[in-house]
Amino acid sequence: MKFTSLAAGMIAALLMTSTAHAVSITNRDDREIKLTIIEGDVRQEQVIQSGKVIEGVCQKGCIIRLNDSDNDEYELEGSEAVSVEEGFLYYDTPLDNGAPQGGSTGPADTPKSE
């Protein structure tokens, strides 16, 4: 009986940690967004309706392309919460110990200012 409880607890812990370390994407735009998700050699396409969220997108990092554009390509580490707004990808969670990438709360592809 103890083994069953221990095994169930370990499985629950593994499930919680795997979803905690995956990308979450929210569409805050007023139109649907087509995503191309490239994780290693695997490429998948997904459409997110306006106001919807998808979770568990990639566990170990991936490249996200918006609406089939090579110019709208974002590299994610696998633990971010991001949103799409007005055609740009924004970080919803801070990176690098509280500092958003690029040193601002702007789009995810904002270059670092020096």
N, C-alpha and C. Protein backbone atom coordinates (compact mmCIF):
# COMPACT_ATOMS: atom_id res chain seq x y z
N MET A 1 0.82 -1.20 0.00
CA MET A 1 0.00 0.00 0.00
C MET A 1 0.87 1.26 0.00
N LYS A 2 1.96 1.26 0.78
CA LYS A 2 2.85 2.41 0.80
C LYS A 2 3.47 2.64 -0.57
N PHE A 3 3.82 1.55 -1.24
CA PHE A 3 4.44 1.67 -2.57
C PHE A 3 3.49 2.33 -3.55
N THR A 4 2.20 1.97 -3.51
CA THR A 4 1.21 2.55 -4.41
C THR A 4 1.08 4.05 -4.17
N SER A 5 1.03 4.46 -2.91
CA SER A 5 0.93 5.88 -2.58
C SER A 5 2.18 6.63 -3.02
N LEU A 6 3.34 6.04 -2.81
CA LEU A 6 4.60 6.66 -3.20
C LEU A 6 4.67 6.80 -4.72
N ALA A 7 4.30 5.74 -5.43
CA ALA A 7 4.32 5.78 -6.89
C ALA A 7 3.35 6.83 -7.43
N ALA A 8 2.17 6.91 -6.87
CA ALA A 8 1.18 7.90 -7.30
C ALA A 8 1.70 9.32 -7.04
N GLY A 9 2.34 9.53 -5.91
CA GLY A 9 2.90 10.84 -5.60
C GLY A 9 4.02 11.22 -6.55
N MET A 10 4.86 10.27 -6.90
CA MET A 10 5.96 10.54 -7.83
C MET A 10 5.43 10.86 -9.22
N ILE A 11 4.43 10.14 -9.67
CA ILE A 11 3.83 10.41 -10.98
C ILE A 11 3.21 11.80 -11.00
N ALA A 12 2.49 12.15 -9.96
CA ALA A 12 1.88 13.48 -9.88
C ALA A 12 2.94 14.57 -9.91
N ALA A 13 4.04 14.37 -9.18
CA ALA A 13 5.12 15.36 -9.17
C ALA A 13 5.75 15.50 -10.55
N LEU A 14 5.94 14.39 -11.24
CA LEU A 14 6.50 14.45 -12.59
C LEU A 14 5.58 15.19 -13.55
N LEU A 15 4.29 14.95 -13.45
CA LEU A 15 3.34 15.62 -14.32
C LEU A 15 3.32 17.12 -14.05
N MET A 16 3.39 17.52 -12.80
CA MET A 16 3.39 18.94 -12.48
C MET A 16 4.65 19.62 -12.96
N THR A 17 5.80 18.99 -12.81
CA THR A 17 7.04 19.63 -13.24
C THR A 17 7.14 19.69 -14.75
N SER A 18 6.60 18.73 -15.47
CA SER A 18 6.70 18.78 -16.92
C SER A 18 5.86 19.91 -17.50
N THR A 19 4.70 20.19 -16.93
CA THR A 19 3.90 21.29 -17.44
C THR A 19 4.43 22.63 -16.97
N ALA A 20 5.12 22.65 -15.84
CA ALA A 20 5.68 23.90 -15.33
C ALA A 20 6.87 24.34 -16.17
N HIS A 21 7.50 23.44 -16.89
CA HIS A 21 8.67 23.78 -17.68
C HIS A 21 8.37 23.69 -19.17
N ALA A 22 7.23 24.16 -19.58
CA ALA A 22 6.86 24.15 -20.98
C ALA A 22 6.33 25.54 -21.34
N VAL A 23 6.40 25.87 -22.60
CA VAL A 23 5.96 27.18 -23.07
C VAL A 23 4.43 27.25 -23.08
N SER A 24 3.91 28.37 -22.64
CA SER A 24 2.49 28.68 -22.68
C SER A 24 2.32 29.90 -23.58
N ILE A 25 1.40 29.84 -24.55
CA ILE A 25 1.20 30.93 -25.49
C ILE A 25 -0.26 31.39 -25.44
N THR A 26 -0.47 32.69 -25.22
CA THR A 26 -1.80 33.29 -25.19
C THR A 26 -1.97 34.18 -26.41
N ASN A 27 -3.08 34.07 -27.10
CA ASN A 27 -3.38 34.96 -28.23
C ASN A 27 -4.22 36.12 -27.71
N ARG A 28 -3.60 37.28 -27.55
CA ARG A 28 -4.31 38.49 -27.11
C ARG A 28 -4.68 39.39 -28.29
N ASP A 29 -4.42 38.89 -29.49
CA ASP A 29 -4.77 39.62 -30.70
C ASP A 29 -6.26 39.46 -30.97
N ASP A 30 -6.83 40.30 -31.84
CA ASP A 30 -8.25 40.16 -32.15
C ASP A 30 -8.50 39.27 -33.35
N ARG A 31 -7.48 38.57 -33.80
CA ARG A 31 -7.65 37.60 -34.89
C ARG A 31 -6.86 36.34 -34.55
N GLU A 32 -7.16 35.26 -35.24
CA GLU A 32 -6.43 34.01 -34.98
C GLU A 32 -4.99 34.15 -35.46
N ILE A 33 -4.11 33.39 -34.83
CA ILE A 33 -2.69 33.42 -35.14
C ILE A 33 -2.27 32.01 -35.54
N LYS A 34 -1.53 31.90 -36.65
CA LYS A 34 -0.97 30.61 -37.05
C LYS A 34 0.46 30.54 -36.53
N LEU A 35 0.75 29.48 -35.79
CA LEU A 35 2.09 29.25 -35.26
C LEU A 35 2.74 28.08 -35.97
N THR A 36 4.02 28.21 -36.24
CA THR A 36 4.83 27.08 -36.65
C THR A 36 5.79 26.85 -35.49
N ILE A 37 5.74 25.66 -34.93
CA ILE A 37 6.56 25.31 -33.77
C ILE A 37 7.62 24.33 -34.23
N ILE A 38 8.89 24.72 -34.08
CA ILE A 38 10.00 23.88 -34.50
C ILE A 38 10.78 23.49 -33.25
N GLU A 39 10.72 22.21 -32.92
CA GLU A 39 11.40 21.68 -31.74
C GLU A 39 12.32 20.55 -32.20
N GLY A 40 13.60 20.88 -32.33
CA GLY A 40 14.54 19.91 -32.87
C GLY A 40 14.22 19.66 -34.33
N ASP A 41 14.01 18.40 -34.70
CA ASP A 41 13.66 18.04 -36.07
C ASP A 41 12.15 18.00 -36.30
N VAL A 42 11.38 18.22 -35.25
CA VAL A 42 9.92 18.13 -35.34
C VAL A 42 9.34 19.52 -35.61
N ARG A 43 8.48 19.58 -36.61
CA ARG A 43 7.83 20.84 -36.98
C ARG A 43 6.32 20.60 -36.99
N GLN A 44 5.60 21.46 -36.28
CA GLN A 44 4.14 21.34 -36.28
C GLN A 44 3.52 22.71 -36.42
N GLU A 45 2.33 22.74 -36.96
CA GLU A 45 1.60 23.99 -37.12
C GLU A 45 0.34 23.93 -36.28
N GLN A 46 0.02 25.09 -35.72
CA GLN A 46 -1.15 25.17 -34.86
C GLN A 46 -1.76 26.55 -35.00
N VAL A 47 -3.07 26.63 -34.95
CA VAL A 47 -3.78 27.90 -35.01
C VAL A 47 -4.38 28.16 -33.63
N ILE A 48 -4.15 29.38 -33.14
CA ILE A 48 -4.74 29.78 -31.85
C ILE A 48 -5.78 30.85 -32.13
N GLN A 49 -7.00 30.57 -31.72
CA GLN A 49 -8.08 31.53 -31.87
C GLN A 49 -7.85 32.72 -30.94
N SER A 50 -8.43 33.84 -31.27
CA SER A 50 -8.33 35.04 -30.44
C SER A 50 -8.80 34.75 -29.01
N GLY A 51 -8.00 35.17 -28.04
CA GLY A 51 -8.36 34.99 -26.64
C GLY A 51 -8.05 33.62 -26.07
N LYS A 52 -7.53 32.70 -26.85
CA LYS A 52 -7.26 31.33 -26.39
C LYS A 52 -5.81 31.18 -25.93
N VAL A 53 -5.56 30.12 -25.15
CA VAL A 53 -4.24 29.80 -24.62
C VAL A 53 -3.91 28.36 -24.97
N ILE A 54 -2.66 28.12 -25.37
CA ILE A 54 -2.19 26.75 -25.50
C ILE A 54 -1.03 26.58 -24.54
N GLU A 55 -0.98 25.44 -23.89
CA GLU A 55 0.06 25.18 -22.90
C GLU A 55 0.83 23.93 -23.27
N GLY A 56 2.02 23.81 -22.71
CA GLY A 56 2.84 22.63 -22.95
C GLY A 56 3.37 22.57 -24.36
N VAL A 57 3.63 23.74 -24.97
CA VAL A 57 4.03 23.78 -26.37
C VAL A 57 5.36 23.11 -26.61
N CYS A 58 6.38 23.45 -25.87
CA CYS A 58 7.67 22.78 -26.03
C CYS A 58 8.36 22.71 -24.68
N GLN A 59 8.96 21.58 -24.39
CA GLN A 59 9.54 21.32 -23.08
C GLN A 59 11.00 21.74 -22.99
N LYS A 60 11.75 21.58 -24.07
CA LYS A 60 13.20 21.80 -24.02
C LYS A 60 13.64 22.98 -24.86
N GLY A 61 12.74 23.82 -25.26
CA GLY A 61 13.07 24.94 -26.11
C GLY A 61 12.64 24.69 -27.53
N CYS A 62 12.32 25.76 -28.23
CA CYS A 62 11.85 25.63 -29.60
C CYS A 62 11.91 26.98 -30.30
N ILE A 63 11.64 26.95 -31.57
CA ILE A 63 11.52 28.17 -32.36
C ILE A 63 10.05 28.30 -32.73
N ILE A 64 9.51 29.50 -32.54
CA ILE A 64 8.13 29.79 -32.88
C ILE A 64 8.12 30.79 -34.02
N ARG A 65 7.37 30.49 -35.07
CA ARG A 65 7.17 31.43 -36.17
C ARG A 65 5.70 31.83 -36.18
N LEU A 66 5.47 33.12 -36.39
CA LEU A 66 4.11 33.64 -36.46
C LEU A 66 3.68 33.80 -37.91
N ASN A 67 2.54 33.25 -38.26
CA ASN A 67 1.91 33.44 -39.56
C ASN A 67 2.84 33.17 -40.74
N ASP A 68 3.61 32.07 -40.68
CA ASP A 68 4.49 31.63 -41.78
C ASP A 68 5.57 32.63 -42.17
N SER A 69 5.91 33.55 -41.30
CA SER A 69 6.91 34.56 -41.63
C SER A 69 8.25 34.22 -41.02
N ASP A 70 9.29 34.19 -41.85
CA ASP A 70 10.65 33.99 -41.34
C ASP A 70 11.12 35.20 -40.54
N ASN A 71 10.49 36.36 -40.76
CA ASN A 71 10.86 37.57 -40.03
C ASN A 71 10.28 37.60 -38.63
N ASP A 72 9.24 36.83 -38.38
CA ASP A 72 8.62 36.75 -37.06
C ASP A 72 8.98 35.43 -36.41
N GLU A 73 10.26 35.23 -36.14
CA GLU A 73 10.76 33.98 -35.56
C GLU A 73 11.30 34.27 -34.16
N TYR A 74 10.91 33.45 -33.20
CA TYR A 74 11.29 33.65 -31.80
C TYR A 74 11.84 32.34 -31.25
N GLU A 75 12.97 32.42 -30.56
CA GLU A 75 13.56 31.25 -29.94
C GLU A 75 13.22 31.27 -28.46
N LEU A 76 12.58 30.20 -28.00
CA LEU A 76 12.16 30.11 -26.61
C LEU A 76 12.90 28.98 -25.92
N GLU A 77 13.15 29.14 -24.64
CA GLU A 77 13.93 28.16 -23.89
C GLU A 77 13.11 26.98 -23.40
N GLY A 78 11.82 27.15 -23.26
CA GLY A 78 10.97 26.03 -22.85
C GLY A 78 10.26 26.24 -21.53
N SER A 79 10.45 27.40 -20.88
CA SER A 79 9.79 27.62 -19.60
C SER A 79 9.06 28.96 -19.56
N GLU A 80 8.91 29.61 -20.71
CA GLU A 80 8.30 30.93 -20.74
C GLU A 80 6.78 30.88 -20.87
N ALA A 81 6.17 31.94 -20.41
CA ALA A 81 4.77 32.22 -20.71
C ALA A 81 4.81 33.45 -21.60
N VAL A 82 4.28 33.34 -22.81
CA VAL A 82 4.33 34.43 -23.77
C VAL A 82 2.93 34.69 -24.31
N SER A 83 2.78 35.87 -24.93
CA SER A 83 1.50 36.18 -25.56
C SER A 83 1.76 36.87 -26.89
N VAL A 84 0.80 36.74 -27.79
CA VAL A 84 0.85 37.40 -29.09
C VAL A 84 -0.13 38.55 -29.03
N GLU A 85 0.38 39.73 -29.37
CA GLU A 85 -0.43 40.93 -29.35
C GLU A 85 0.02 41.84 -30.48
N GLU A 86 -0.91 42.26 -31.31
CA GLU A 86 -0.63 43.12 -32.46
C GLU A 86 0.49 42.57 -33.34
N GLY A 87 0.51 41.25 -33.48
CA GLY A 87 1.47 40.60 -34.37
C GLY A 87 2.85 40.39 -33.79
N PHE A 88 3.07 40.69 -32.51
CA PHE A 88 4.36 40.50 -31.86
C PHE A 88 4.23 39.52 -30.71
N LEU A 89 5.33 38.84 -30.40
CA LEU A 89 5.37 37.91 -29.27
C LEU A 89 5.98 38.64 -28.08
N TYR A 90 5.29 38.65 -26.96
CA TYR A 90 5.73 39.32 -25.73
C TYR A 90 5.92 38.29 -24.63
N TYR A 91 6.90 38.51 -23.77
CA TYR A 91 7.08 37.66 -22.59
C TYR A 91 6.10 38.09 -21.51
N ASP A 92 5.39 37.12 -20.94
CA ASP A 92 4.50 37.38 -19.81
C ASP A 92 5.22 37.09 -18.50
N THR A 93 6.28 36.29 -18.56
CA THR A 93 7.06 35.98 -17.37
C THR A 93 8.47 36.53 -17.54
N PRO A 94 9.07 37.01 -16.46
CA PRO A 94 10.43 37.55 -16.56
C PRO A 94 11.45 36.45 -16.80
N LEU A 95 12.56 36.81 -17.42
CA LEU A 95 13.68 35.91 -17.67
C LEU A 95 14.90 36.41 -16.92
N ASP A 96 15.93 35.60 -16.86
CA ASP A 96 17.22 35.99 -16.27
C ASP A 96 17.06 36.63 -14.90
N ASN A 97 16.48 35.89 -13.97
CA ASN A 97 16.32 36.36 -12.59
C ASN A 97 15.55 37.67 -12.49
N GLY A 98 14.46 37.77 -13.21
CA GLY A 98 13.58 38.92 -13.07
C GLY A 98 13.74 39.98 -14.14
N ALA A 99 14.77 39.93 -14.98
CA ALA A 99 14.94 40.93 -16.02
C ALA A 99 14.41 40.38 -17.34
N PRO A 100 13.41 41.01 -17.92
CA PRO A 100 12.91 40.51 -19.20
C PRO A 100 14.00 40.60 -20.27
N GLN A 101 13.90 39.73 -21.27
CA GLN A 101 14.87 39.76 -22.36
C GLN A 101 14.81 41.12 -23.03
N GLY A 102 15.97 41.69 -23.33
CA GLY A 102 16.04 42.98 -23.96
C GLY A 102 15.98 44.12 -22.98
N GLY A 103 15.80 43.81 -21.68
CA GLY A 103 15.77 44.84 -20.66
C GLY A 103 14.51 45.68 -20.67
N SER A 104 13.46 45.22 -21.33
CA SER A 104 12.21 45.97 -21.36
C SER A 104 11.05 44.98 -21.34
N THR A 105 9.86 45.53 -21.31
CA THR A 105 8.68 44.67 -21.39
C THR A 105 8.13 44.68 -22.79
N GLY A 106 8.93 45.08 -23.77
CA GLY A 106 8.52 45.14 -25.17
C GLY A 106 8.49 43.77 -25.80
N PRO A 107 8.41 43.75 -27.12
CA PRO A 107 8.35 42.47 -27.83
C PRO A 107 9.54 41.59 -27.52
N ALA A 108 9.35 40.29 -27.65
CA ALA A 108 10.39 39.32 -27.32
C ALA A 108 11.63 39.48 -28.17
N ASP A 109 11.51 40.09 -29.34
CA ASP A 109 12.67 40.21 -30.21
C ASP A 109 13.34 41.58 -30.11
N THR A 110 13.03 42.35 -29.05
CA THR A 110 13.65 43.64 -28.86
C THR A 110 15.14 43.43 -28.56
N PRO A 111 16.05 44.08 -29.31
CA PRO A 111 17.48 43.90 -29.04
C PRO A 111 17.87 44.53 -27.72
N LYS A 112 18.93 43.98 -27.10
CA LYS A 112 19.41 44.54 -25.85
C LYS A 112 20.00 45.93 -26.09
N SER A 113 19.64 46.86 -25.23
CA SER A 113 20.23 48.19 -25.34
C SER A 113 21.47 48.25 -24.48
N GLU A 114 22.47 48.97 -24.94
CA GLU A 114 23.74 49.02 -24.20
C GLU A 114 24.04 50.40 -23.75
